[in-house]
Amino acid sequence: MNPDLFHGSQVHLAAANAETDAEAFVRWRRDSEYLRLFDSGAARSWSLQKARDELNDPPVDHWFLLMIRSLADDRLLGLIDLDVDTWAHGNAWVGIALGDRADWGKGYGTDAMWVALRFAFTELNLHRVSLTVFEYNPRAVRSYEKVGFVVEGRQRQRLRRDGRWWDSIFMSILKEEWEERNSKLQIPKVEQRRKT
């Protein structure tokens, strides 16, 4: 297996650890802005036990939850998940969230998405990865476009927030599109980036 598979230029993706990661989940879910960017449901706090239970759920063969950690100091930054809805057709949905506002806008999410797509297309042999993003999150739309996602459509006035209706935007990337973008980028090897 390629040792670089789960490493990007700023982050690496790792398995969740219920004992060490649950406290961060609880803290993040206290931030209503985090919840509004990540989920269309009503804001809801979690207890520490609820977070541990969610992280301890037995894995299923179509859902991959990975934690986003900083390469510099291994600090937990957020999460990314891939949910394969049809193996036969190679289709999956991806979701991503960075927990602390201080880490937003620094390129961590873009790098993590690139690593997740590499995993999806090279390891899982998927053909297509899709996502939805809310109209009021243009920073996320720009980040997804940087890694090659294209807008496919939108659900008009899908959710109501702060007294206004907002669209839900559908985006996707195909394996051949990712491969073409990947061949044009010169991403340094992990061994060259790590400090010894």
N, C-alpha and C. Protein backbone atom coordinates (compact mmCIF):
# COMPACT_ATOMS: atom_id res chain seq x y z
N MET A 1 0.84 -1.19 0.00
CA MET A 1 0.00 0.00 0.00
C MET A 1 0.88 1.24 0.00
N ASN A 2 0.45 2.25 -0.71
CA ASN A 2 1.17 3.52 -0.80
C ASN A 2 1.21 4.18 0.58
N PRO A 3 2.41 4.42 1.13
CA PRO A 3 2.48 5.05 2.46
C PRO A 3 1.95 6.48 2.48
N ASP A 4 1.84 7.12 1.32
CA ASP A 4 1.34 8.49 1.23
C ASP A 4 -0.18 8.56 1.16
N LEU A 5 -0.86 7.43 1.09
CA LEU A 5 -2.29 7.38 0.83
C LEU A 5 -3.11 8.31 1.72
N PHE A 6 -2.82 8.37 3.00
CA PHE A 6 -3.61 9.16 3.94
C PHE A 6 -2.93 10.47 4.33
N HIS A 7 -1.89 10.88 3.60
CA HIS A 7 -1.16 12.10 3.92
C HIS A 7 -1.29 13.13 2.80
N GLY A 8 -1.54 14.36 3.19
CA GLY A 8 -1.56 15.47 2.25
C GLY A 8 -0.39 16.38 2.53
N SER A 9 -0.51 17.64 2.14
CA SER A 9 0.56 18.60 2.37
C SER A 9 0.45 19.26 3.75
N GLN A 10 -0.78 19.27 4.33
CA GLN A 10 -0.98 19.87 5.65
C GLN A 10 -1.59 18.92 6.67
N VAL A 11 -2.28 17.90 6.19
CA VAL A 11 -3.03 17.02 7.09
C VAL A 11 -2.79 15.56 6.75
N HIS A 12 -3.18 14.71 7.71
CA HIS A 12 -3.28 13.29 7.43
C HIS A 12 -4.61 12.82 7.99
N LEU A 13 -5.12 11.76 7.41
CA LEU A 13 -6.39 11.18 7.84
C LEU A 13 -6.10 9.94 8.66
N ALA A 14 -6.85 9.78 9.76
CA ALA A 14 -6.60 8.68 10.69
C ALA A 14 -7.92 8.11 11.20
N ALA A 15 -7.85 6.92 11.74
CA ALA A 15 -9.03 6.29 12.33
C ALA A 15 -9.48 7.09 13.55
N ALA A 16 -10.77 7.06 13.81
CA ALA A 16 -11.32 7.73 15.00
C ALA A 16 -10.98 6.92 16.25
N ASN A 17 -10.78 7.63 17.35
CA ASN A 17 -10.54 7.01 18.64
C ASN A 17 -11.56 7.59 19.61
N ALA A 18 -12.52 6.78 20.04
CA ALA A 18 -13.62 7.27 20.87
C ALA A 18 -13.13 7.91 22.16
N GLU A 19 -12.08 7.38 22.74
CA GLU A 19 -11.61 7.91 24.03
C GLU A 19 -10.95 9.27 23.90
N THR A 20 -10.20 9.48 22.82
CA THR A 20 -9.48 10.75 22.69
C THR A 20 -10.21 11.78 21.85
N ASP A 21 -11.09 11.35 20.94
CA ASP A 21 -11.74 12.27 20.02
C ASP A 21 -13.12 12.75 20.48
N ALA A 22 -13.74 12.03 21.41
CA ALA A 22 -15.12 12.35 21.81
C ALA A 22 -15.24 13.75 22.42
N GLU A 23 -14.27 14.17 23.21
CA GLU A 23 -14.36 15.49 23.84
C GLU A 23 -14.38 16.60 22.79
N ALA A 24 -13.59 16.43 21.73
CA ALA A 24 -13.59 17.43 20.65
C ALA A 24 -14.95 17.46 19.96
N PHE A 25 -15.54 16.30 19.74
CA PHE A 25 -16.87 16.25 19.11
C PHE A 25 -17.88 17.03 19.93
N VAL A 26 -17.86 16.84 21.24
CA VAL A 26 -18.80 17.54 22.13
C VAL A 26 -18.56 19.04 22.06
N ARG A 27 -17.31 19.46 22.08
CA ARG A 27 -16.97 20.89 22.02
C ARG A 27 -17.42 21.49 20.69
N TRP A 28 -17.16 20.81 19.58
CA TRP A 28 -17.55 21.32 18.28
C TRP A 28 -19.06 21.48 18.17
N ARG A 29 -19.79 20.54 18.71
CA ARG A 29 -21.25 20.57 18.58
C ARG A 29 -21.88 21.65 19.47
N ARG A 30 -21.11 22.31 20.29
CA ARG A 30 -21.61 23.46 21.05
C ARG A 30 -21.60 24.73 20.20
N ASP A 31 -20.95 24.68 19.06
CA ASP A 31 -20.83 25.83 18.17
C ASP A 31 -21.92 25.72 17.10
N SER A 32 -22.94 26.55 17.19
CA SER A 32 -24.06 26.45 16.25
C SER A 32 -23.64 26.75 14.81
N GLU A 33 -22.61 27.58 14.60
CA GLU A 33 -22.14 27.85 13.25
C GLU A 33 -21.54 26.58 12.63
N TYR A 34 -20.77 25.84 13.41
CA TYR A 34 -20.23 24.54 12.96
C TYR A 34 -21.39 23.64 12.52
N LEU A 35 -22.41 23.54 13.35
CA LEU A 35 -23.55 22.66 13.05
C LEU A 35 -24.28 23.12 11.79
N ARG A 36 -24.44 24.41 11.61
CA ARG A 36 -25.17 24.92 10.44
C ARG A 36 -24.41 24.71 9.15
N LEU A 37 -23.09 24.66 9.23
CA LEU A 37 -22.29 24.42 8.03
C LEU A 37 -22.23 22.92 7.70
N PHE A 38 -22.34 22.10 8.71
CA PHE A 38 -22.17 20.65 8.55
C PHE A 38 -23.47 19.90 8.30
N ASP A 39 -24.58 20.41 8.82
CA ASP A 39 -25.82 19.63 8.81
C ASP A 39 -27.02 20.55 8.61
N SER A 40 -28.04 20.04 7.91
CA SER A 40 -29.25 20.83 7.69
C SER A 40 -30.26 20.67 8.82
N GLY A 41 -30.00 19.74 9.72
CA GLY A 41 -30.91 19.52 10.84
C GLY A 41 -30.80 20.61 11.89
N ALA A 42 -31.69 20.54 12.85
CA ALA A 42 -31.66 21.50 13.96
C ALA A 42 -30.41 21.28 14.82
N ALA A 43 -29.84 22.37 15.34
CA ALA A 43 -28.68 22.28 16.22
C ALA A 43 -29.02 21.41 17.42
N ARG A 44 -28.09 20.54 17.77
CA ARG A 44 -28.33 19.60 18.87
C ARG A 44 -27.00 19.30 19.55
N SER A 45 -26.94 19.53 20.86
CA SER A 45 -25.72 19.22 21.61
C SER A 45 -25.64 17.72 21.89
N TRP A 46 -24.42 17.25 22.08
CA TRP A 46 -24.19 15.85 22.44
C TRP A 46 -23.52 15.78 23.79
N SER A 47 -23.82 14.72 24.52
CA SER A 47 -23.08 14.42 25.74
C SER A 47 -21.80 13.69 25.35
N LEU A 48 -20.88 13.59 26.29
CA LEU A 48 -19.64 12.87 26.05
C LEU A 48 -19.94 11.40 25.73
N GLN A 49 -20.91 10.83 26.43
CA GLN A 49 -21.27 9.43 26.17
C GLN A 49 -21.85 9.26 24.77
N LYS A 50 -22.69 10.19 24.32
CA LYS A 50 -23.27 10.13 22.98
C LYS A 50 -22.16 10.17 21.92
N ALA A 51 -21.18 11.04 22.12
CA ALA A 51 -20.07 11.14 21.18
C ALA A 51 -19.27 9.84 21.15
N ARG A 52 -19.01 9.27 22.34
CA ARG A 52 -18.28 7.99 22.38
C ARG A 52 -19.07 6.89 21.70
N ASP A 53 -20.38 6.86 21.92
CA ASP A 53 -21.22 5.84 21.28
C ASP A 53 -21.17 5.97 19.77
N GLU A 54 -21.26 7.20 19.27
CA GLU A 54 -21.21 7.41 17.82
C GLU A 54 -19.88 6.94 17.22
N LEU A 55 -18.79 7.22 17.93
CA LEU A 55 -17.47 6.84 17.43
C LEU A 55 -17.21 5.34 17.59
N ASN A 56 -17.91 4.70 18.52
CA ASN A 56 -17.72 3.28 18.77
C ASN A 56 -18.64 2.39 17.95
N ASP A 57 -19.54 2.99 17.16
CA ASP A 57 -20.45 2.17 16.35
C ASP A 57 -19.65 1.18 15.54
N PRO A 58 -20.14 -0.05 15.42
CA PRO A 58 -19.39 -1.02 14.61
C PRO A 58 -19.30 -0.54 13.15
N PRO A 59 -18.14 -0.71 12.55
CA PRO A 59 -17.99 -0.24 11.16
C PRO A 59 -18.86 -1.07 10.21
N VAL A 60 -19.34 -0.42 9.18
CA VAL A 60 -20.06 -1.10 8.11
C VAL A 60 -19.20 -1.00 6.86
N ASP A 61 -19.42 -1.90 5.94
CA ASP A 61 -18.52 -1.97 4.79
C ASP A 61 -18.70 -0.86 3.78
N HIS A 62 -19.65 0.03 3.99
CA HIS A 62 -19.85 1.10 3.02
C HIS A 62 -19.62 2.49 3.60
N TRP A 63 -19.25 2.59 4.88
CA TRP A 63 -19.07 3.90 5.50
C TRP A 63 -17.68 4.00 6.10
N PHE A 64 -16.96 5.05 5.74
CA PHE A 64 -15.59 5.25 6.18
C PHE A 64 -15.49 6.61 6.88
N LEU A 65 -15.29 6.59 8.19
CA LEU A 65 -15.11 7.82 8.97
C LEU A 65 -13.63 7.98 9.25
N LEU A 66 -13.09 9.13 8.88
CA LEU A 66 -11.67 9.42 9.09
C LEU A 66 -11.54 10.76 9.80
N MET A 67 -10.61 10.83 10.72
CA MET A 67 -10.35 12.06 11.44
C MET A 67 -9.26 12.84 10.71
N ILE A 68 -9.44 14.15 10.65
CA ILE A 68 -8.46 15.04 10.01
C ILE A 68 -7.52 15.53 11.10
N ARG A 69 -6.22 15.26 10.91
CA ARG A 69 -5.23 15.65 11.91
C ARG A 69 -4.13 16.45 11.22
N SER A 70 -3.60 17.42 11.94
CA SER A 70 -2.53 18.27 11.42
C SER A 70 -1.24 17.46 11.27
N LEU A 71 -0.56 17.64 10.13
CA LEU A 71 0.75 16.99 9.97
C LEU A 71 1.77 17.59 10.93
N ALA A 72 1.65 18.88 11.19
CA ALA A 72 2.65 19.56 12.01
C ALA A 72 2.70 19.06 13.44
N ASP A 73 1.51 18.84 14.05
CA ASP A 73 1.50 18.47 15.47
C ASP A 73 0.49 17.37 15.83
N ASP A 74 -0.10 16.74 14.83
CA ASP A 74 -1.07 15.65 15.01
C ASP A 74 -2.34 16.11 15.76
N ARG A 75 -2.58 17.40 15.78
CA ARG A 75 -3.77 17.94 16.44
C ARG A 75 -5.03 17.57 15.66
N LEU A 76 -6.09 17.21 16.37
CA LEU A 76 -7.36 16.87 15.73
C LEU A 76 -8.01 18.14 15.19
N LEU A 77 -8.29 18.16 13.88
CA LEU A 77 -8.86 19.33 13.23
C LEU A 77 -10.33 19.15 12.87
N GLY A 78 -10.71 17.92 12.54
CA GLY A 78 -12.08 17.70 12.09
C GLY A 78 -12.28 16.26 11.65
N LEU A 79 -13.28 16.09 10.79
CA LEU A 79 -13.61 14.75 10.32
C LEU A 79 -14.02 14.80 8.85
N ILE A 80 -13.90 13.66 8.21
CA ILE A 80 -14.37 13.50 6.84
C ILE A 80 -14.91 12.09 6.72
N ASP A 81 -16.02 11.94 6.02
CA ASP A 81 -16.55 10.59 5.85
C ASP A 81 -16.96 10.34 4.42
N LEU A 82 -16.83 9.09 4.02
CA LEU A 82 -17.27 8.62 2.72
C LEU A 82 -18.33 7.56 2.95
N ASP A 83 -19.47 7.72 2.31
CA ASP A 83 -20.56 6.76 2.42
C ASP A 83 -20.85 6.23 1.01
N VAL A 84 -20.43 5.00 0.75
CA VAL A 84 -20.62 4.39 -0.57
C VAL A 84 -22.06 3.94 -0.67
N ASP A 85 -22.82 4.57 -1.56
CA ASP A 85 -24.24 4.19 -1.66
C ASP A 85 -24.46 3.05 -2.64
N THR A 86 -23.57 2.88 -3.61
CA THR A 86 -23.67 1.72 -4.50
C THR A 86 -22.27 1.28 -4.93
N TRP A 87 -21.82 0.15 -4.42
CA TRP A 87 -20.53 -0.40 -4.81
C TRP A 87 -20.53 -0.76 -6.29
N ALA A 88 -21.63 -1.33 -6.77
CA ALA A 88 -21.69 -1.80 -8.16
C ALA A 88 -21.44 -0.68 -9.16
N HIS A 89 -21.86 0.52 -8.81
CA HIS A 89 -21.70 1.65 -9.71
C HIS A 89 -20.57 2.59 -9.29
N GLY A 90 -19.96 2.31 -8.14
CA GLY A 90 -18.84 3.11 -7.68
C GLY A 90 -19.20 4.52 -7.26
N ASN A 91 -20.37 4.68 -6.60
CA ASN A 91 -20.83 6.01 -6.18
C ASN A 91 -20.75 6.17 -4.67
N ALA A 92 -20.31 7.35 -4.24
CA ALA A 92 -20.24 7.64 -2.80
C ALA A 92 -20.56 9.11 -2.55
N TRP A 93 -20.95 9.38 -1.31
CA TRP A 93 -21.16 10.75 -0.83
C TRP A 93 -20.06 11.07 0.17
N VAL A 94 -19.61 12.30 0.18
CA VAL A 94 -18.58 12.73 1.11
C VAL A 94 -19.10 13.89 1.94
N GLY A 95 -18.69 13.92 3.20
CA GLY A 95 -18.99 15.03 4.10
C GLY A 95 -17.73 15.40 4.87
N ILE A 96 -17.57 16.67 5.16
CA ILE A 96 -16.37 17.14 5.85
C ILE A 96 -16.75 18.24 6.82
N ALA A 97 -16.04 18.31 7.93
CA ALA A 97 -16.24 19.39 8.91
C ALA A 97 -14.93 19.64 9.65
N LEU A 98 -14.58 20.90 9.77
CA LEU A 98 -13.46 21.31 10.62
C LEU A 98 -14.06 21.89 11.89
N GLY A 99 -13.58 21.44 13.04
CA GLY A 99 -14.23 21.76 14.29
C GLY A 99 -14.03 23.16 14.83
N ASP A 100 -12.81 23.61 14.95
CA ASP A 100 -12.54 24.89 15.59
C ASP A 100 -12.45 26.01 14.56
N ARG A 101 -13.14 27.10 14.83
CA ARG A 101 -13.16 28.22 13.89
C ARG A 101 -11.75 28.75 13.57
N ALA A 102 -10.84 28.63 14.52
CA ALA A 102 -9.47 29.11 14.29
C ALA A 102 -8.78 28.35 13.17
N ASP A 103 -9.28 27.17 12.84
CA ASP A 103 -8.68 26.35 11.78
C ASP A 103 -9.36 26.54 10.43
N TRP A 104 -10.42 27.32 10.37
CA TRP A 104 -11.15 27.54 9.12
C TRP A 104 -10.36 28.50 8.24
N GLY A 105 -10.44 28.30 6.94
CA GLY A 105 -9.82 29.21 5.98
C GLY A 105 -8.31 29.08 5.86
N LYS A 106 -7.73 27.98 6.35
CA LYS A 106 -6.28 27.80 6.30
C LYS A 106 -5.85 26.71 5.32
N GLY A 107 -6.80 26.17 4.57
CA GLY A 107 -6.47 25.15 3.58
C GLY A 107 -6.54 23.73 4.08
N TYR A 108 -6.82 23.54 5.37
CA TYR A 108 -6.89 22.18 5.91
C TYR A 108 -8.01 21.36 5.26
N GLY A 109 -9.15 21.97 5.07
CA GLY A 109 -10.28 21.26 4.49
C GLY A 109 -10.03 20.86 3.04
N THR A 110 -9.45 21.77 2.27
CA THR A 110 -9.14 21.48 0.87
C THR A 110 -8.14 20.32 0.79
N ASP A 111 -7.11 20.37 1.62
CA ASP A 111 -6.10 19.31 1.63
C ASP A 111 -6.73 17.97 2.06
N ALA A 112 -7.56 18.01 3.09
CA ALA A 112 -8.21 16.78 3.57
C ALA A 112 -9.12 16.19 2.49
N MET A 113 -9.83 17.04 1.77
CA MET A 113 -10.71 16.55 0.72
C MET A 113 -9.89 15.91 -0.39
N TRP A 114 -8.76 16.50 -0.73
CA TRP A 114 -7.90 15.93 -1.75
C TRP A 114 -7.43 14.53 -1.33
N VAL A 115 -7.03 14.38 -0.09
CA VAL A 115 -6.58 13.07 0.42
C VAL A 115 -7.74 12.07 0.40
N ALA A 116 -8.92 12.51 0.82
CA ALA A 116 -10.09 11.62 0.83
C ALA A 116 -10.44 11.16 -0.59
N LEU A 117 -10.32 12.06 -1.57
CA LEU A 117 -10.59 11.68 -2.95
C LEU A 117 -9.55 10.69 -3.47
N ARG A 118 -8.31 10.89 -3.08
CA ARG A 118 -7.27 9.92 -3.48
C ARG A 118 -7.62 8.54 -2.93
N PHE A 119 -8.03 8.48 -1.67
CA PHE A 119 -8.45 7.22 -1.05
C PHE A 119 -9.65 6.64 -1.81
N ALA A 120 -10.63 7.48 -2.11
CA ALA A 120 -11.85 7.03 -2.78
C ALA A 120 -11.56 6.46 -4.17
N PHE A 121 -10.72 7.14 -4.93
CA PHE A 121 -10.51 6.74 -6.32
C PHE A 121 -9.41 5.71 -6.51
N THR A 122 -8.40 5.71 -5.65
CA THR A 122 -7.30 4.75 -5.85
C THR A 122 -7.45 3.50 -4.99
N GLU A 123 -7.96 3.64 -3.78
CA GLU A 123 -8.07 2.49 -2.88
C GLU A 123 -9.44 1.82 -2.98
N LEU A 124 -10.49 2.60 -2.99
CA LEU A 124 -11.85 2.04 -3.05
C LEU A 124 -12.32 1.83 -4.49
N ASN A 125 -11.56 2.36 -5.44
CA ASN A 125 -11.89 2.22 -6.87
C ASN A 125 -13.27 2.76 -7.21
N LEU A 126 -13.62 3.88 -6.60
CA LEU A 126 -14.91 4.51 -6.89
C LEU A 126 -14.84 5.25 -8.22
N HIS A 127 -16.00 5.51 -8.78
CA HIS A 127 -16.09 6.22 -10.05
C HIS A 127 -16.55 7.67 -9.87
N ARG A 128 -17.36 7.91 -8.83
CA ARG A 128 -17.96 9.23 -8.65
C ARG A 128 -18.11 9.51 -7.15
N VAL A 129 -17.79 10.74 -6.74
CA VAL A 129 -18.00 11.18 -5.36
C VAL A 129 -18.84 12.45 -5.42
N SER A 130 -19.91 12.48 -4.63
CA SER A 130 -20.86 13.60 -4.63
C SER A 130 -20.92 14.22 -3.25
N LEU A 131 -21.44 15.45 -3.21
CA LEU A 131 -21.68 16.12 -1.94
C LEU A 131 -22.80 17.14 -2.11
N THR A 132 -23.31 17.60 -0.99
CA THR A 132 -24.21 18.75 -0.99
C THR A 132 -23.58 19.81 -0.10
N VAL A 133 -23.81 21.06 -0.47
CA VAL A 133 -23.30 22.18 0.30
C VAL A 133 -24.38 23.25 0.29
N PHE A 134 -24.44 24.01 1.35
CA PHE A 134 -25.49 25.02 1.48
C PHE A 134 -25.04 26.33 0.83
N GLU A 135 -25.98 27.00 0.20
CA GLU A 135 -25.72 28.25 -0.51
C GLU A 135 -25.01 29.28 0.37
N TYR A 136 -25.29 29.28 1.66
CA TYR A 136 -24.69 30.28 2.55
C TYR A 136 -23.26 29.93 2.96
N ASN A 137 -22.67 28.92 2.33
CA ASN A 137 -21.30 28.53 2.65
C ASN A 137 -20.40 28.63 1.40
N PRO A 138 -20.21 29.85 0.86
CA PRO A 138 -19.41 30.00 -0.37
C PRO A 138 -17.96 29.59 -0.18
N ARG A 139 -17.43 29.69 1.05
CA ARG A 139 -16.05 29.26 1.29
C ARG A 139 -15.89 27.77 0.98
N ALA A 140 -16.88 26.96 1.38
CA ALA A 140 -16.82 25.52 1.10
C ALA A 140 -16.94 25.26 -0.40
N VAL A 141 -17.82 25.98 -1.08
CA VAL A 141 -17.98 25.79 -2.52
C VAL A 141 -16.64 26.04 -3.22
N ARG A 142 -15.95 27.12 -2.85
CA ARG A 142 -14.64 27.43 -3.45
C ARG A 142 -13.63 26.31 -3.17
N SER A 143 -13.64 25.81 -1.95
CA SER A 143 -12.73 24.73 -1.57
C SER A 143 -12.98 23.48 -2.41
N TYR A 144 -14.25 23.12 -2.58
CA TYR A 144 -14.60 21.94 -3.38
C TYR A 144 -14.22 22.13 -4.84
N GLU A 145 -14.42 23.33 -5.35
CA GLU A 145 -14.04 23.61 -6.74
C GLU A 145 -12.53 23.49 -6.93
N LYS A 146 -11.75 23.86 -5.91
CA LYS A 146 -10.29 23.76 -6.00
C LYS A 146 -9.83 22.33 -6.24
N VAL A 147 -10.52 21.36 -5.66
CA VAL A 147 -10.11 19.97 -5.84
C VAL A 147 -10.81 19.30 -7.01
N GLY A 148 -11.69 20.04 -7.71
CA GLY A 148 -12.27 19.53 -8.94
C GLY A 148 -13.75 19.24 -8.95
N PHE A 149 -14.45 19.46 -7.85
CA PHE A 149 -15.90 19.26 -7.86
C PHE A 149 -16.56 20.28 -8.78
N VAL A 150 -17.62 19.85 -9.46
CA VAL A 150 -18.39 20.76 -10.30
C VAL A 150 -19.84 20.77 -9.83
N VAL A 151 -20.48 21.91 -9.98
CA VAL A 151 -21.88 22.05 -9.60
C VAL A 151 -22.74 21.31 -10.61
N GLU A 152 -23.61 20.45 -10.11
CA GLU A 152 -24.52 19.70 -10.98
C GLU A 152 -25.94 20.24 -10.93
N GLY A 153 -26.27 20.90 -9.85
CA GLY A 153 -27.62 21.43 -9.73
C GLY A 153 -27.87 21.92 -8.31
N ARG A 154 -29.10 22.29 -8.07
CA ARG A 154 -29.45 22.78 -6.74
C ARG A 154 -30.90 22.50 -6.46
N GLN A 155 -31.19 22.35 -5.18
CA GLN A 155 -32.56 22.32 -4.70
C GLN A 155 -32.86 23.72 -4.21
N ARG A 156 -33.81 24.36 -4.86
CA ARG A 156 -34.12 25.74 -4.51
C ARG A 156 -34.84 25.81 -3.18
N GLN A 157 -34.45 26.79 -2.39
CA GLN A 157 -35.07 27.07 -1.09
C GLN A 157 -35.24 25.80 -0.27
N ARG A 158 -34.16 25.05 -0.14
CA ARG A 158 -34.17 23.76 0.55
C ARG A 158 -34.23 23.89 2.07
N LEU A 159 -33.62 24.96 2.61
CA LEU A 159 -33.65 25.12 4.06
C LEU A 159 -33.79 26.58 4.44
N ARG A 160 -34.35 26.77 5.63
CA ARG A 160 -34.61 28.11 6.14
C ARG A 160 -33.72 28.36 7.35
N ARG A 161 -32.93 29.41 7.25
CA ARG A 161 -32.03 29.80 8.33
C ARG A 161 -32.08 31.31 8.48
N ASP A 162 -32.20 31.76 9.71
CA ASP A 162 -32.16 33.19 10.02
C ASP A 162 -33.19 33.99 9.21
N GLY A 163 -34.38 33.43 9.05
CA GLY A 163 -35.46 34.13 8.38
C GLY A 163 -35.37 34.21 6.88
N ARG A 164 -34.50 33.38 6.29
CA ARG A 164 -34.30 33.41 4.84
C ARG A 164 -34.23 31.99 4.30
N TRP A 165 -34.69 31.80 3.06
CA TRP A 165 -34.59 30.52 2.39
C TRP A 165 -33.27 30.42 1.64
N TRP A 166 -32.63 29.23 1.70
CA TRP A 166 -31.34 29.00 1.06
C TRP A 166 -31.41 27.75 0.20
N ASP A 167 -30.65 27.75 -0.89
CA ASP A 167 -30.58 26.58 -1.77
C ASP A 167 -29.57 25.57 -1.23
N SER A 168 -29.77 24.32 -1.60
CA SER A 168 -28.80 23.26 -1.37
C SER A 168 -28.17 22.94 -2.72
N ILE A 169 -26.84 22.99 -2.79
CA ILE A 169 -26.11 22.84 -4.05
C ILE A 169 -25.52 21.44 -4.12
N PHE A 170 -25.74 20.77 -5.26
CA PHE A 170 -25.18 19.45 -5.50
C PHE A 170 -23.92 19.58 -6.33
N MET A 171 -22.85 18.89 -5.90
CA MET A 171 -21.58 18.90 -6.61
C MET A 171 -21.07 17.46 -6.71
N SER A 172 -20.24 17.21 -7.72
CA SER A 172 -19.61 15.89 -7.82
C SER A 172 -18.29 16.00 -8.57
N ILE A 173 -17.52 14.93 -8.46
CA ILE A 173 -16.28 14.78 -9.21
C ILE A 173 -16.20 13.33 -9.66
N LEU A 174 -15.77 13.12 -10.90
CA LEU A 174 -15.60 11.78 -11.45
C LEU A 174 -14.12 11.39 -11.36
N LYS A 175 -13.89 10.09 -11.33
CA LYS A 175 -12.52 9.59 -11.19
C LYS A 175 -11.60 10.16 -12.27
N GLU A 176 -12.06 10.16 -13.53
CA GLU A 176 -11.18 10.66 -14.60
C GLU A 176 -10.90 12.15 -14.45
N GLU A 177 -11.82 12.91 -13.89
CA GLU A 177 -11.58 14.34 -13.64
C GLU A 177 -10.53 14.51 -12.56
N TRP A 178 -10.64 13.69 -11.51
CA TRP A 178 -9.65 13.75 -10.43
C TRP A 178 -8.27 13.34 -10.95
N GLU A 179 -8.22 12.27 -11.75
CA GLU A 179 -6.94 11.80 -12.29
C GLU A 179 -6.29 12.87 -13.16
N GLU A 180 -7.09 13.56 -13.97
CA GLU A 180 -6.54 14.62 -14.83
C GLU A 180 -5.97 15.76 -13.98
N ARG A 181 -6.70 16.18 -12.95
CA ARG A 181 -6.20 17.25 -12.07
C ARG A 181 -4.97 16.77 -11.31
N ASN A 182 -4.98 15.54 -10.85
CA ASN A 182 -3.87 14.98 -10.09
C ASN A 182 -2.59 14.94 -10.92
N SER A 183 -2.71 14.61 -12.19
CA SER A 183 -1.53 14.51 -13.05
C SER A 183 -0.89 15.88 -13.30
N LYS A 184 -1.67 16.95 -13.17
CA LYS A 184 -1.16 18.31 -13.40
C LYS A 184 -0.53 18.93 -12.16
N LEU A 185 -0.86 18.38 -10.98
CA LEU A 185 -0.33 18.93 -9.74
C LEU A 185 0.96 18.24 -9.34
N GLN A 186 1.86 19.00 -8.81
CA GLN A 186 3.11 18.44 -8.30
C GLN A 186 3.05 18.50 -6.78
N ILE A 187 2.50 17.44 -6.18
CA ILE A 187 2.38 17.40 -4.73
C ILE A 187 3.64 16.76 -4.17
N PRO A 188 4.33 17.45 -3.25
CA PRO A 188 5.58 16.89 -2.72
C PRO A 188 5.33 15.60 -1.95
N LYS A 189 6.30 14.73 -1.97
CA LYS A 189 6.20 13.46 -1.26
C LYS A 189 6.21 13.71 0.24
N VAL A 190 5.56 12.84 0.98
CA VAL A 190 5.48 12.98 2.44
C VAL A 190 6.86 13.00 3.05
N GLU A 191 7.76 12.14 2.56
CA GLU A 191 9.10 12.05 3.14
C GLU A 191 9.84 13.40 3.05
N GLN A 192 9.57 14.18 2.00
CA GLN A 192 10.23 15.47 1.82
C GLN A 192 9.64 16.54 2.73
N ARG A 193 8.39 16.38 3.13
CA ARG A 193 7.72 17.40 3.94
C ARG A 193 7.97 17.21 5.43
N ARG A 194 8.13 15.97 5.85
CA ARG A 194 8.27 15.72 7.28
C ARG A 194 9.61 16.17 7.79
N LYS A 195 9.59 16.74 8.97
CA LYS A 195 10.85 17.14 9.61
C LYS A 195 11.39 15.93 10.36
N THR A 196 12.68 15.71 10.25
CA THR A 196 13.29 14.57 10.93
C THR A 196 14.03 15.02 12.15
